[in-house]
PDB file of N, CA and C in Angstrom:
ATOM      1  N   MET A   1      -7.537   0.558   8.999  1.00  0.00           N
ATOM      2  CA  MET A   1      -7.726   0.549   7.560  1.00  0.00           C
ATOM      3  C   MET A   1      -7.749   1.976   7.024  1.00  0.00           C
ATOM      4  N   ASP A   2      -8.358   2.896   7.773  1.00  0.00           N
ATOM      5  CA  ASP A   2      -8.411   4.292   7.328  1.00  0.00           C
ATOM      6  C   ASP A   2      -7.019   4.911   7.219  1.00  0.00           C
ATOM      7  N   ARG A   3      -6.070   4.396   7.983  1.00  0.00           N
ATOM      8  CA  ARG A   3      -4.706   4.921   7.979  1.00  0.00           C
ATOM      9  C   ARG A   3      -3.857   4.258   6.896  1.00  0.00           C
ATOM     10  N   ARG A   4      -4.487   3.393   6.101  1.00  0.00           N
ATOM     11  CA  ARG A   4      -3.837   2.706   4.977  1.00  0.00           C
ATOM     12  C   ARG A   4      -2.625   1.872   5.405  1.00  0.00           C
ATOM     13  N   LEU A   5      -2.796   1.158   6.493  1.00  0.00           N
ATOM     14  CA  LEU A   5      -1.742   0.268   6.960  1.00  0.00           C
ATOM     15  C   LEU A   5      -1.686  -0.979   6.078  1.00  0.00           C
ATOM     16  N   PRO A   6      -0.506  -1.555   5.927  1.00  0.00           N
ATOM     17  CA  PRO A   6      -0.404  -2.815   5.181  1.00  0.00           C
ATOM     18  C   PRO A   6      -1.226  -3.906   5.873  1.00  0.00           C
ATOM     19  N   ASP A   7      -1.688  -4.866   5.106  1.00  0.00           N
ATOM     20  CA  ASP A   7      -2.498  -5.960   5.664  1.00  0.00           C
ATOM     21  C   ASP A   7      -1.815  -6.651   6.829  1.00  0.00           C
ATOM     22  N   ALA A   8      -0.494  -6.791   6.772  1.00  0.00           N
ATOM     23  CA  ALA A   8       0.245  -7.472   7.843  1.00  0.00           C
ATOM     24  C   ALA A   8       0.156  -6.723   9.168  1.00  0.00           C
ATOM     25  N   CYS A   9      -0.208  -5.454   9.127  1.00  0.00           N
ATOM     26  CA  CYS A   9      -0.291  -4.634  10.344  1.00  0.00           C
ATOM     27  C   CYS A   9      -1.686  -4.624  10.961  1.00  0.00           C
ATOM     28  N   LEU A  10      -2.694  -4.920  10.191  1.00  0.00           N
ATOM     29  CA  LEU A  10      -4.071  -4.790  10.668  1.00  0.00           C
ATOM     30  C   LEU A  10      -4.370  -5.591  11.934  1.00  0.00           C
ATOM     31  N   PRO A  11      -3.837  -6.815  12.091  1.00  0.00           N
ATOM     32  CA  PRO A  11      -4.107  -7.538  13.347  1.00  0.00           C
ATOM     33  C   PRO A  11      -3.565  -6.807  14.586  1.00  0.00           C
ATOM     34  N   LYS A  12      -2.604  -5.935  14.406  1.00  0.00           N
ATOM     35  CA  LYS A  12      -2.016  -5.214  15.532  1.00  0.00           C
ATOM     36  C   LYS A  12      -2.870  -4.019  15.943  1.00  0.00           C
ATOM     37  N   CYS A  13      -3.928  -3.752  15.209  1.00  0.00           N
ATOM     38  CA  CYS A  13      -4.817  -2.630  15.495  1.00  0.00           C
ATOM     39  C   CYS A  13      -5.845  -3.025  16.547  1.00  0.00           C
ATOM     40  N   HIS A  14      -5.384  -3.588  17.610  1.00  0.00           N
ATOM     41  CA  HIS A  14      -6.210  -4.023  18.727  1.00  0.00           C
ATOM     42  C   HIS A  14      -5.329  -3.964  19.963  1.00  0.00           C
ATOM     43  N   TYR A  15      -5.841  -3.428  21.046  1.00  0.00           N
ATOM     44  CA  TYR A  15      -5.022  -3.252  22.242  1.00  0.00           C
ATOM     45  C   TYR A  15      -4.405  -4.562  22.732  1.00  0.00           C
ATOM     46  N   SER A  16      -5.067  -5.681  22.501  1.00  0.00           N
ATOM     47  CA  SER A  16      -4.526  -6.973  22.951  1.00  0.00           C
ATOM     48  C   SER A  16      -3.289  -7.391  22.172  1.00  0.00           C
ATOM     49  N   TYR A  17      -3.172  -6.946  20.933  1.00  0.00           N
ATOM     50  CA  TYR A  17      -2.062  -7.372  20.081  1.00  0.00           C
ATOM     51  C   TYR A  17      -1.022  -6.277  19.863  1.00  0.00           C
ATOM     52  N   TYR A  18      -1.342  -5.071  20.289  1.00  0.00           N
ATOM     53  CA  TYR A  18      -0.400  -3.962  20.187  1.00  0.00           C
ATOM     54  C   TYR A  18       0.410  -3.960  21.479  1.00  0.00           C
ATOM     55  N   THR A  19       1.541  -4.674  21.468  1.00  0.00           N
ATOM     56  CA  THR A  19       2.327  -4.895  22.675  1.00  0.00           C
ATOM     57  C   THR A  19       3.784  -4.498  22.467  1.00  0.00           C
ATOM     58  N   LYS A  20       4.501  -4.443  23.551  1.00  0.00           N
ATOM     59  CA  LYS A  20       5.931  -4.168  23.496  1.00  0.00           C
ATOM     60  C   LYS A  20       6.628  -5.212  22.635  1.00  0.00           C
ATOM     61  N   ASP A  21       6.270  -6.478  22.809  1.00  0.00           N
ATOM     62  CA  ASP A  21       6.890  -7.551  22.015  1.00  0.00           C
ATOM     63  C   ASP A  21       6.622  -7.367  20.525  1.00  0.00           C
ATOM     64  N   THR A  22       5.415  -6.983  20.184  1.00  0.00           N
ATOM     65  CA  THR A  22       5.074  -6.736  18.781  1.00  0.00           C
ATOM     66  C   THR A  22       5.946  -5.630  18.212  1.00  0.00           C
ATOM     67  N   LEU A  23       6.065  -4.537  18.944  1.00  0.00           N
ATOM     68  CA  LEU A  23       6.875  -3.412  18.472  1.00  0.00           C
ATOM     69  C   LEU A  23       8.349  -3.787  18.367  1.00  0.00           C
ATOM     70  N   MET A  24       8.830  -4.579  19.308  1.00  0.00           N
ATOM     71  CA  MET A  24      10.228  -4.996  19.256  1.00  0.00           C
ATOM     72  C   MET A  24      10.484  -5.876  18.025  1.00  0.00           C
ATOM     73  N   ARG A  25       9.555  -6.756  17.706  1.00  0.00           N
ATOM     74  CA  ARG A  25       9.699  -7.579  16.500  1.00  0.00           C
ATOM     75  C   ARG A  25       9.697  -6.703  15.252  1.00  0.00           C
ATOM     76  N   MET A  26       8.844  -5.690  15.245  1.00  0.00           N
ATOM     77  CA  MET A  26       8.826  -4.756  14.115  1.00  0.00           C
ATOM     78  C   MET A  26      10.156  -4.010  14.038  1.00  0.00           C
ATOM     79  N   TYR A  27      10.648  -3.557  15.176  1.00  0.00           N
ATOM     80  CA  TYR A  27      11.891  -2.785  15.226  1.00  0.00           C
ATOM     81  C   TYR A  27      13.073  -3.588  14.674  1.00  0.00           C
ATOM     82  N   PHE A  28      13.109  -4.869  15.019  1.00  0.00           N
ATOM     83  CA  PHE A  28      14.208  -5.729  14.560  1.00  0.00           C
ATOM     84  C   PHE A  28      13.900  -6.432  13.240  1.00  0.00           C
ATOM     85  N   ARG A  29      12.847  -5.939  12.551  1.00  0.00           N
ATOM     86  CA  ARG A  29      12.465  -6.457  11.228  1.00  0.00           C
ATOM     87  C   ARG A  29      12.182  -7.961  11.251  1.00  0.00           C
ATOM     88  N   GLN A  30      11.580  -8.423  12.349  1.00  0.00           N
ATOM     89  CA  GLN A  30      11.207  -9.831  12.487  1.00  0.00           C
ATOM     90  C   GLN A  30       9.698 -10.026  12.338  1.00  0.00           C
ATOM     91  N   ASP A  31       9.035  -9.012  11.830  1.00  0.00           N
ATOM     92  CA  ASP A  31       7.584  -9.042  11.668  1.00  0.00           C
ATOM     93  C   ASP A  31       7.259  -8.552  10.265  1.00  0.00           C
ATOM     94  N   ALA A  32       6.199  -9.075   9.698  1.00  0.00           N
ATOM     95  CA  ALA A  32       5.800  -8.664   8.349  1.00  0.00           C
ATOM     96  C   ALA A  32       5.286  -7.226   8.323  1.00  0.00           C
ATOM     97  N   CYS A  33       4.857  -6.718   9.456  1.00  0.00           N
ATOM     98  CA  CYS A  33       4.417  -5.323   9.545  1.00  0.00           C
ATOM     99  C   CYS A  33       5.677  -4.456   9.620  1.00  0.00           C
ATOM    100  N   PRO A  34       5.852  -3.533   8.690  1.00  0.00           N
ATOM    101  CA  PRO A  34       7.085  -2.739   8.662  1.00  0.00           C
ATOM    102  C   PRO A  34       7.171  -1.731   9.805  1.00  0.00           C
ATOM    103  N   LEU A  35       8.385  -1.462  10.216  1.00  0.00           N
ATOM    104  CA  LEU A  35       8.644  -0.508  11.290  1.00  0.00           C
ATOM    105  C   LEU A  35       8.029   0.855  10.990  1.00  0.00           C
ATOM    106  N   GLU A  36       7.997   1.234   9.743  1.00  0.00           N
ATOM    107  CA  GLU A  36       7.443   2.532   9.352  1.00  0.00           C
ATOM    108  C   GLU A  36       5.968   2.674   9.724  1.00  0.00           C
ATOM    109  N   ALA A  37       5.287   1.569   9.951  1.00  0.00           N
ATOM    110  CA  ALA A  37       3.866   1.601  10.321  1.00  0.00           C
ATOM    111  C   ALA A  37       3.664   1.893  11.806  1.00  0.00           C
ATOM    112  N   MET A  38       4.746   1.872  12.584  1.00  0.00           N
ATOM    113  CA  MET A  38       4.614   2.079  14.026  1.00  0.00           C
ATOM    114  C   MET A  38       3.960   3.419  14.340  1.00  0.00           C
ATOM    115  N   ARG A  39       4.293   4.456  13.605  1.00  0.00           N
ATOM    116  CA  ARG A  39       3.719   5.777  13.849  1.00  0.00           C
ATOM    117  C   ARG A  39       2.198   5.737  13.716  1.00  0.00           C
ATOM    118  N   GLU A  40       1.720   5.073  12.674  1.00  0.00           N
ATOM    119  CA  GLU A  40       0.269   5.001  12.462  1.00  0.00           C
ATOM    120  C   GLU A  40      -0.413   4.140  13.522  1.00  0.00           C
ATOM    121  N   LEU A  41       0.221   3.049  13.918  1.00  0.00           N
ATOM    122  CA  LEU A  41      -0.345   2.203  14.974  1.00  0.00           C
ATOM    123  C   LEU A  41      -0.453   2.982  16.277  1.00  0.00           C
ATOM    124  N   GLN A  42       0.581   3.733  16.597  1.00  0.00           N
ATOM    125  CA  GLN A  42       0.590   4.527  17.824  1.00  0.00           C
ATOM    126  C   GLN A  42      -0.492   5.605  17.762  1.00  0.00           C
ATOM    127  N   PHE A  43      -0.623   6.248  16.610  1.00  0.00           N
ATOM    128  CA  PHE A  43      -1.648   7.276  16.423  1.00  0.00           C
ATOM    129  C   PHE A  43      -3.036   6.682  16.670  1.00  0.00           C
ATOM    130  N   CYS A  44      -3.288   5.527  16.095  1.00  0.00           N
ATOM    131  CA  CYS A  44      -4.604   4.886  16.259  1.00  0.00           C
ATOM    132  C   CYS A  44      -4.845   4.478  17.712  1.00  0.00           C
ATOM    133  N   ALA A  45      -3.854   3.887  18.333  1.00  0.00           N
ATOM    134  CA  ALA A  45      -4.003   3.447  19.729  1.00  0.00           C
ATOM    135  C   ALA A  45      -4.313   4.633  20.639  1.00  0.00           C
ATOM    136  N   ALA A  46      -3.675   5.761  20.361  1.00  0.00           N
ATOM    137  CA  ALA A  46      -3.877   6.965  21.175  1.00  0.00           C
ATOM    138  C   ALA A  46      -5.064   7.792  20.700  1.00  0.00           C
ATOM    139  N   GLN A  47      -5.705   7.365  19.632  1.00  0.00           N
ATOM    140  CA  GLN A  47      -6.854   8.058  19.056  1.00  0.00           C
ATOM    141  C   GLN A  47      -6.517   9.504  18.698  1.00  0.00           C
ATOM    142  N   GLY A  48      -5.257   9.732  18.310  1.00  0.00           N
ATOM    143  CA  GLY A  48      -4.839  11.060  17.880  1.00  0.00           C
ATOM    144  C   GLY A  48      -4.891  12.113  18.959  1.00  0.00           C
ATOM    145  N   GLN A  49      -4.764  11.704  20.221  1.00  0.00           N
ATOM    146  CA  GLN A  49      -4.889  12.640  21.338  1.00  0.00           C
ATOM    147  C   GLN A  49      -3.585  12.762  22.121  1.00  0.00           C
ATOM    148  N   ASP A  50      -3.551  13.744  23.000  1.00  0.00           N
ATOM    149  CA  ASP A  50      -2.424  13.965  23.887  1.00  0.00           C
ATOM    150  C   ASP A  50      -2.731  13.332  25.250  1.00  0.00           C
ATOM    151  N   HIS A  51      -1.944  12.339  25.626  1.00  0.00           N
ATOM    152  CA  HIS A  51      -2.128  11.624  26.891  1.00  0.00           C
ATOM    153  C   HIS A  51      -0.980  11.906  27.856  1.00  0.00           C
ATOM    154  N   THR A  52      -0.326  13.041  27.675  1.00  0.00           N
ATOM    155  CA  THR A  52       0.863  13.357  28.461  1.00  0.00           C
ATOM    156  C   THR A  52       0.604  13.322  29.965  1.00  0.00           C
ATOM    157  N   GLY A  53      -0.496  13.892  30.414  1.00  0.00           N
ATOM    158  CA  GLY A  53      -0.796  13.908  31.852  1.00  0.00           C
ATOM    159  C   GLY A  53      -0.880  12.515  32.436  1.00  0.00           C
ATOM    160  N   CYS A  54      -1.630  11.660  31.787  1.00  0.00           N
ATOM    161  CA  CYS A  54      -1.763  10.276  32.243  1.00  0.00           C
ATOM    162  C   CYS A  54      -0.412   9.569  32.201  1.00  0.00           C
ATOM    163  N   CYS A  55       0.332   9.794  31.134  1.00  0.00           N
ATOM    164  CA  CYS A  55       1.646   9.149  31.008  1.00  0.00           C
ATOM    165  C   CYS A  55       2.577   9.572  32.140  1.00  0.00           C
ATOM    166  N   ARG A  56       2.547  10.839  32.488  1.00  0.00           N
ATOM    167  CA  ARG A  56       3.369  11.305  33.615  1.00  0.00           C
ATOM    168  C   ARG A  56       2.955  10.585  34.906  1.00  0.00           C
ATOM    169  N   ARG A  57       1.652  10.514  35.142  1.00  0.00           N
ATOM    170  CA  ARG A  57       1.148   9.839  36.352  1.00  0.00           C
ATOM    171  C   ARG A  57       1.528   8.363  36.358  1.00  0.00           C
ATOM    172  N   ASN A  58       1.633   7.756  35.179  1.00  0.00           N
ATOM    173  CA  ASN A  58       1.963   6.333  35.073  1.00  0.00           C
ATOM    174  C   ASN A  58       3.467   6.073  35.028  1.00  0.00           C
ATOM    175  N   GLY A  59       4.278   7.110  35.203  1.00  0.00           N
ATOM    176  CA  GLY A  59       5.726   6.920  35.316  1.00  0.00           C
ATOM    177  C   GLY A  59       6.467   6.733  34.011  1.00  0.00           C
ATOM    178  N   ILE A  60       5.916   7.211  32.920  1.00  0.00           N
ATOM    179  CA  ILE A  60       6.546   7.030  31.617  1.00  0.00           C
ATOM    180  C   ILE A  60       7.927   7.688  31.564  1.00  0.00           C
ATOM    181  N   THR A  61       8.115   8.760  32.278  1.00  0.00           N
ATOM    182  CA  THR A  61       9.394   9.476  32.221  1.00  0.00           C
ATOM    183  C   THR A  61      10.467   8.848  33.106  1.00  0.00           C
ATOM    184  N   GLN A  62      10.133   7.809  33.831  1.00  0.00           N
ATOM    185  CA  GLN A  62      11.083   7.179  34.747  1.00  0.00           C
ATOM    186  C   GLN A  62      11.916   6.111  34.040  1.00  0.00           C
ATOM    187  N   THR A  63      12.566   6.519  32.984  1.00  0.00           N
ATOM    188  CA  THR A  63      13.483   5.660  32.239  1.00  0.00           C
ATOM    189  C   THR A  63      14.753   6.466  31.976  1.00  0.00           C
ATOM    190  N   LEU A  64      15.739   5.846  31.385  1.00  0.00           N
ATOM    191  CA  LEU A  64      16.961   6.562  31.025  1.00  0.00           C
ATOM    192  C   LEU A  64      16.696   7.651  29.990  1.00  0.00           C
ATOM    193  N   ALA A  65      15.636   7.494  29.212  1.00  0.00           N
ATOM    194  CA  ALA A  65      15.290   8.508  28.204  1.00  0.00           C
ATOM    195  C   ALA A  65      14.508   9.666  28.811  1.00  0.00           C
ATOM    196  N   GLY A  66      13.957   9.486  29.979  1.00  0.00           N
ATOM    197  CA  GLY A  66      13.254  10.549  30.692  1.00  0.00           C
ATOM    198  C   GLY A  66      12.111  11.176  29.913  1.00  0.00           C
ATOM    199  N   GLU A  67      12.132  12.500  29.835  1.00  0.00           N
ATOM    200  CA  GLU A  67      11.062  13.275  29.202  1.00  0.00           C
ATOM    201  C   GLU A  67      10.868  12.924  27.726  1.00  0.00           C
ATOM    202  N   LYS A  68      11.895  12.418  27.077  1.00  0.00           N
ATOM    203  CA  LYS A  68      11.786  12.084  25.652  1.00  0.00           C
ATOM    204  C   LYS A  68      10.652  11.091  25.408  1.00  0.00           C
ATOM    205  N   CYS A  69      10.370  10.246  26.390  1.00  0.00           N
ATOM    206  CA  CYS A  69       9.346   9.213  26.217  1.00  0.00           C
ATOM    207  C   CYS A  69       7.950   9.794  26.032  1.00  0.00           C
ATOM    208  N   LEU A  70       7.756  11.020  26.483  1.00  0.00           N
ATOM    209  CA  LEU A  70       6.434  11.634  26.363  1.00  0.00           C
ATOM    210  C   LEU A  70       6.026  11.859  24.915  1.00  0.00           C
ATOM    211  N   VAL A  71       6.978  11.828  23.997  1.00  0.00           N
ATOM    212  CA  VAL A  71       6.644  11.996  22.582  1.00  0.00           C
ATOM    213  C   VAL A  71       5.667  10.898  22.125  1.00  0.00           C
ATOM    214  N   PHE A  72       5.759   9.736  22.725  1.00  0.00           N
ATOM    215  CA  PHE A  72       4.869   8.627  22.363  1.00  0.00           C
ATOM    216  C   PHE A  72       3.462   8.827  22.909  1.00  0.00           C
ATOM    217  N   CYS A  73       3.322   9.675  23.900  1.00  0.00           N
ATOM    218  CA  CYS A  73       2.024   9.905  24.531  1.00  0.00           C
ATOM    219  C   CYS A  73       1.211  10.986  23.837  1.00  0.00           C
ATOM    220  N   ASP A  74       1.883  11.885  23.164  1.00  0.00           N
ATOM    221  CA  ASP A  74       1.202  12.982  22.468  1.00  0.00           C
ATOM    222  C   ASP A  74       1.102  12.616  20.989  1.00  0.00           C
ATOM    223  N   GLN A  75      -0.050  12.146  20.595  1.00  0.00           N
ATOM    224  CA  GLN A  75      -0.253  11.658  19.236  1.00  0.00           C
ATOM    225  C   GLN A  75      -1.217  12.534  18.449  1.00  0.00           C
ATOM    226  N   ARG A  76      -1.205  13.827  18.757  1.00  0.00           N
ATOM    227  CA  ARG A  76      -2.035  14.739  17.977  1.00  0.00           C
ATOM    228  C   ARG A  76      -1.496  14.826  16.550  1.00  0.00           C
ATOM    229  N   ALA A  77      -2.390  15.067  15.613  1.00  0.00           N
ATOM    230  CA  ALA A  77      -2.014  15.150  14.197  1.00  0.00           C
ATOM    231  C   ALA A  77      -0.925  16.192  14.005  1.00  0.00           C
ATOM    232  N   GLY A  78       0.009  15.882  13.122  1.00  0.00           N
ATOM    233  CA  GLY A  78       1.082  16.812  12.792  1.00  0.00           C
ATOM    234  C   GLY A  78       2.306  16.692  13.663  1.00  0.00           C
ATOM    235  N   LYS A  79       2.233  15.914  14.727  1.00  0.00           N
ATOM    236  CA  LYS A  79       3.381  15.709  15.608  1.00  0.00           C
ATOM    237  C   LYS A  79       4.233  14.585  15.026  1.00  0.00           C
ATOM    238  N   VAL A  80       5.407  14.926  14.541  1.00  0.00           N
ATOM    239  CA  VAL A  80       6.299  13.930  13.963  1.00  0.00           C
ATOM    240  C   VAL A  80       7.665  14.077  14.609  1.00  0.00           C
ATOM    241  N   THR A  81       8.192  12.974  15.110  1.00  0.00           N
ATOM    242  CA  THR A  81       9.508  12.959  15.724  1.00  0.00           C
ATOM    243  C   THR A  81      10.334  11.871  15.073  1.00  0.00           C
ATOM    244  N   LEU A  82      11.532  12.221  14.684  1.00  0.00           N
ATOM    245  CA  LEU A  82      12.451  11.224  14.160  1.00  0.00           C
ATOM    246  C   LEU A  82      13.065  10.484  15.337  1.00  0.00           C
ATOM    247  N   LEU A  83      12.818   9.198  15.398  1.00  0.00           N
ATOM    248  CA  LEU A  83      13.287   8.399  16.527  1.00  0.00           C
ATOM    249  C   LEU A  83      14.685   7.855  16.270  1.00  0.00           C
ATOM    250  N   ASP A  84      15.424   7.710  17.349  1.00  0.00           N
ATOM    251  CA  ASP A  84      16.733   7.072  17.284  1.00  0.00           C
ATOM    252  C   ASP A  84      16.855   6.143  18.495  1.00  0.00           C
ATOM    253  N   LEU A  85      18.004   5.536  18.679  1.00  0.00           N
ATOM    254  CA  LEU A  85      18.177   4.566  19.760  1.00  0.00           C
ATOM    255  C   LEU A  85      18.024   5.176  21.153  1.00  0.00           C
ATOM    256  N   SER A  86      18.140   6.484  21.284  1.00  0.00           N
ATOM    257  CA  SER A  86      17.995   7.102  22.603  1.00  0.00           C
ATOM    258  C   SER A  86      16.570   6.952  23.156  1.00  0.00           C
ATOM    259  N   TYR A  87      15.624   6.599  22.285  1.00  0.00           N
ATOM    260  CA  TYR A  87      14.244   6.385  22.715  1.00  0.00           C
ATOM    261  C   TYR A  87      13.980   4.944  23.158  1.00  0.00           C
ATOM    262  N   ALA A  88      14.915   4.050  22.954  1.00  0.00           N
ATOM    263  CA  ALA A  88      14.719   2.626  23.270  1.00  0.00           C
ATOM    264  C   ALA A  88      14.275   2.385  24.713  1.00  0.00           C
ATOM    265  N   PRO A  89      14.813   3.096  25.710  1.00  0.00           N
ATOM    266  CA  PRO A  89      14.352   2.845  27.085  1.00  0.00           C
ATOM    267  C   PRO A  89      12.861   3.089  27.285  1.00  0.00           C
ATOM    268  N   CYS A  90      12.245   3.858  26.433  1.00  0.00           N
ATOM    269  CA  CYS A  90      10.809   4.146  26.550  1.00  0.00           C
ATOM    270  C   CYS A  90       9.977   2.873  26.425  1.00  0.00           C
ATOM    271  N   PHE A  91      10.476   1.879  25.708  1.00  0.00           N
ATOM    272  CA  PHE A  91       9.731   0.628  25.547  1.00  0.00           C
ATOM    273  C   PHE A  91       9.527  -0.075  26.886  1.00  0.00           C
ATOM    274  N   ASP A  92      10.384   0.225  27.877  1.00  0.00           N
ATOM    275  CA  ASP A  92      10.225  -0.386  29.203  1.00  0.00           C
ATOM    276  C   ASP A  92       8.946   0.067  29.890  1.00  0.00           C
ATOM    277  N   ARG A  93       8.381   1.170  29.435  1.00  0.00           N
ATOM    278  CA  ARG A  93       7.146   1.701  30.020  1.00  0.00           C
ATOM    279  C   ARG A  93       5.976   1.616  29.039  1.00  0.00           C
ATOM    280  N   PHE A  94       6.099   0.767  28.034  1.00  0.00           N
ATOM    281  CA  PHE A  94       5.088   0.689  26.987  1.00  0.00           C
ATOM    282  C   PHE A  94       3.705   0.341  27.539  1.00  0.00           C
ATOM    283  N   GLU A  95       3.616  -0.652  28.408  1.00  0.00           N
ATOM    284  CA  GLU A  95       2.309  -1.080  28.911  1.00  0.00           C
ATOM    285  C   GLU A  95       1.638   0.014  29.741  1.00  0.00           C
ATOM    286  N   GLN A  96       2.426   0.791  30.493  1.00  0.00           N
ATOM    287  CA  GLN A  96       1.858   1.893  31.267  1.00  0.00           C
ATOM    288  C   GLN A  96       1.325   2.977  30.331  1.00  0.00           C
ATOM    289  N   MET A  97       2.041   3.211  29.237  1.00  0.00           N
ATOM    290  CA  MET A  97       1.604   4.195  28.246  1.00  0.00           C
ATOM    291  C   MET A  97       0.325   3.710  27.567  1.00  0.00           C
ATOM    292  N   LYS A  98       0.330   2.466  27.157  1.00  0.00           N
ATOM    293  CA  LYS A  98      -0.841   1.903  26.486  1.00  0.00           C
ATOM    294  C   LYS A  98      -2.060   1.925  27.418  1.00  0.00           C
ATOM    295  N   ALA A  99      -1.839   1.781  28.704  1.00  0.00           N
ATOM    296  CA  ALA A  99      -2.952   1.840  29.663  1.00  0.00           C
ATOM    297  C   ALA A  99      -3.641   3.199  29.603  1.00  0.00           C
ATOM    298  N   CYS A 100      -2.879   4.260  29.375  1.00  0.00           N
ATOM    299  CA  CYS A 100      -3.479   5.599  29.234  1.00  0.00           C
ATOM    300  C   CYS A 100      -4.399   5.645  28.017  1.00  0.00           C
ATOM    301  N   PHE A 101      -3.948   5.071  26.927  1.00  0.00           N
ATOM    302  CA  PHE A 101      -4.758   5.055  25.706  1.00  0.00           C
ATOM    303  C   PHE A 101      -6.042   4.259  25.938  1.00  0.00           C
ATOM    304  N   TRP A 102      -5.919   3.106  26.581  1.00  0.00           N
ATOM    305  CA  TRP A 102      -7.056   2.221  26.842  1.00  0.00           C
ATOM    306  C   TRP A 102      -8.063   2.893  27.772  1.00  0.00           C
ATOM    307  N   GLN A 103      -7.580   3.530  28.827  1.00  0.00           N
ATOM    308  CA  GLN A 103      -8.477   4.203  29.776  1.00  0.00           C
ATOM    309  C   GLN A 103      -9.311   5.267  29.080  1.00  0.00           C
ATOM    310  N   GLU A 104      -8.676   6.048  28.225  1.00  0.00           N
ATOM    311  CA  GLU A 104      -9.399   7.101  27.513  1.00  0.00           C
ATOM    312  C   GLU A 104     -10.390   6.500  26.512  1.00  0.00           C
ATOM    313  N   ALA A 105      -9.980   5.443  25.827  1.00  0.00           N
ATOM    314  CA  ALA A 105     -10.873   4.797  24.853  1.00  0.00           C
ATOM    315  C   ALA A 105     -12.113   4.246  25.547  1.00  0.00           C
ATOM    316  N   THR A 106     -11.938   3.619  26.696  1.00  0.00           N
ATOM    317  CA  THR A 106     -13.096   3.066  27.406  1.00  0.00           C
ATOM    318  C   THR A 106     -13.967   4.177  27.979  1.00  0.00           C
ATOM    319  N   ARG A 107     -13.359   5.291  28.415  1.00  0.00           N
ATOM    320  CA  ARG A 107     -14.131   6.422  28.915  1.00  0.00           C
ATOM    321  C   ARG A 107     -15.013   6.994  27.801  1.00  0.00           C
ATOM    322  N   VAL A 108     -14.441   7.181  26.622  1.00  0.00           N
ATOM    323  CA  VAL A 108     -15.176   7.722  25.474  1.00  0.00           C
ATOM    324  C   VAL A 108     -16.290   6.760  25.063  1.00  0.00           C
ATOM    325  N   PHE A 109     -15.992   5.480  25.015  1.00  0.00           N
ATOM    326  CA  PHE A 109     -16.988   4.477  24.639  1.00  0.00           C
ATOM    327  C   PHE A 109     -18.147   4.466  25.626  1.00  0.00           C
ATOM    328  N   THR A 110     -17.824   4.482  26.920  1.00  0.00           N
ATOM    329  CA  THR A 110     -18.860   4.461  27.946  1.00  0.00           C
ATOM    330  C   THR A 110     -19.741   5.714  27.861  1.00  0.00           C
ATOM    331  N   ALA A 111     -19.124   6.858  27.650  1.00  0.00           N
ATOM    332  CA  ALA A 111     -19.903   8.097  27.529  1.00  0.00           C
ATOM    333  C   ALA A 111     -20.815   8.062  26.315  1.00  0.00           C
ATOM    334  N   ALA A 112     -20.338   7.514  25.213  1.00  0.00           N
ATOM    335  CA  ALA A 112     -21.159   7.406  24.000  1.00  0.00           C
ATOM    336  C   ALA A 112     -22.344   6.469  24.223  1.00  0.00           C
ATOM    337  N   ARG A 113     -22.135   5.394  24.932  1.00  0.00           N
ATOM    338  CA  ARG A 113     -23.220   4.449  25.203  1.00  0.00           C
ATOM    339  C   ARG A 113     -24.289   5.076  26.083  1.00  0.00           C
ATOM    340  N   ARG A 114     -23.860   5.898  27.020  1.00  0.00           N
ATOM    341  CA  ARG A 114     -24.824   6.553  27.899  1.00  0.00           C
ATOM    342  C   ARG A 114     -25.704   7.535  27.139  1.00  0.00           C
ATOM    343  N   ARG A 115     -25.116   8.213  26.140  1.00  0.00           N
ATOM    344  CA  ARG A 115     -25.863   9.170  25.323  1.00  0.00           C
ATOM    345  C   ARG A 115     -26.828   8.469  24.375  1.00  0.00           C
ATOM    346  N   ALA A 116     -26.511   7.240  23.986  1.00  0.00           N
ATOM    347  CA  ALA A 116     -27.323   6.519  22.988  1.00  0.00           C
ATOM    348  C   ALA A 116     -28.603   5.968  23.582  1.00  0.00           C
TER     349      ALA A 116
END
């Protein structure tokens, strides 16, 4: 909500619903959430952080797009990349990339609970 996403996108703001299939439906305009919202969804999922190290360990670069896929892992503010079809192979490693985001989110949550 803070990122001013359209209402149709809000259900996707959860790791369970932010999936490769969801993004593919958005990409092919088969979803009410517009493709333009993908950047904000990715930013939120990654919590605005750089997960490049984890993504490398999880094999994100092992696609036909190679190193280009790392752009999805580095979601620090101000990082904007114009995507084209050459990035499509990166979707084959979407779940491995999302696992990096989830691992960091759970680590941060667990640390916060310990401090509380």
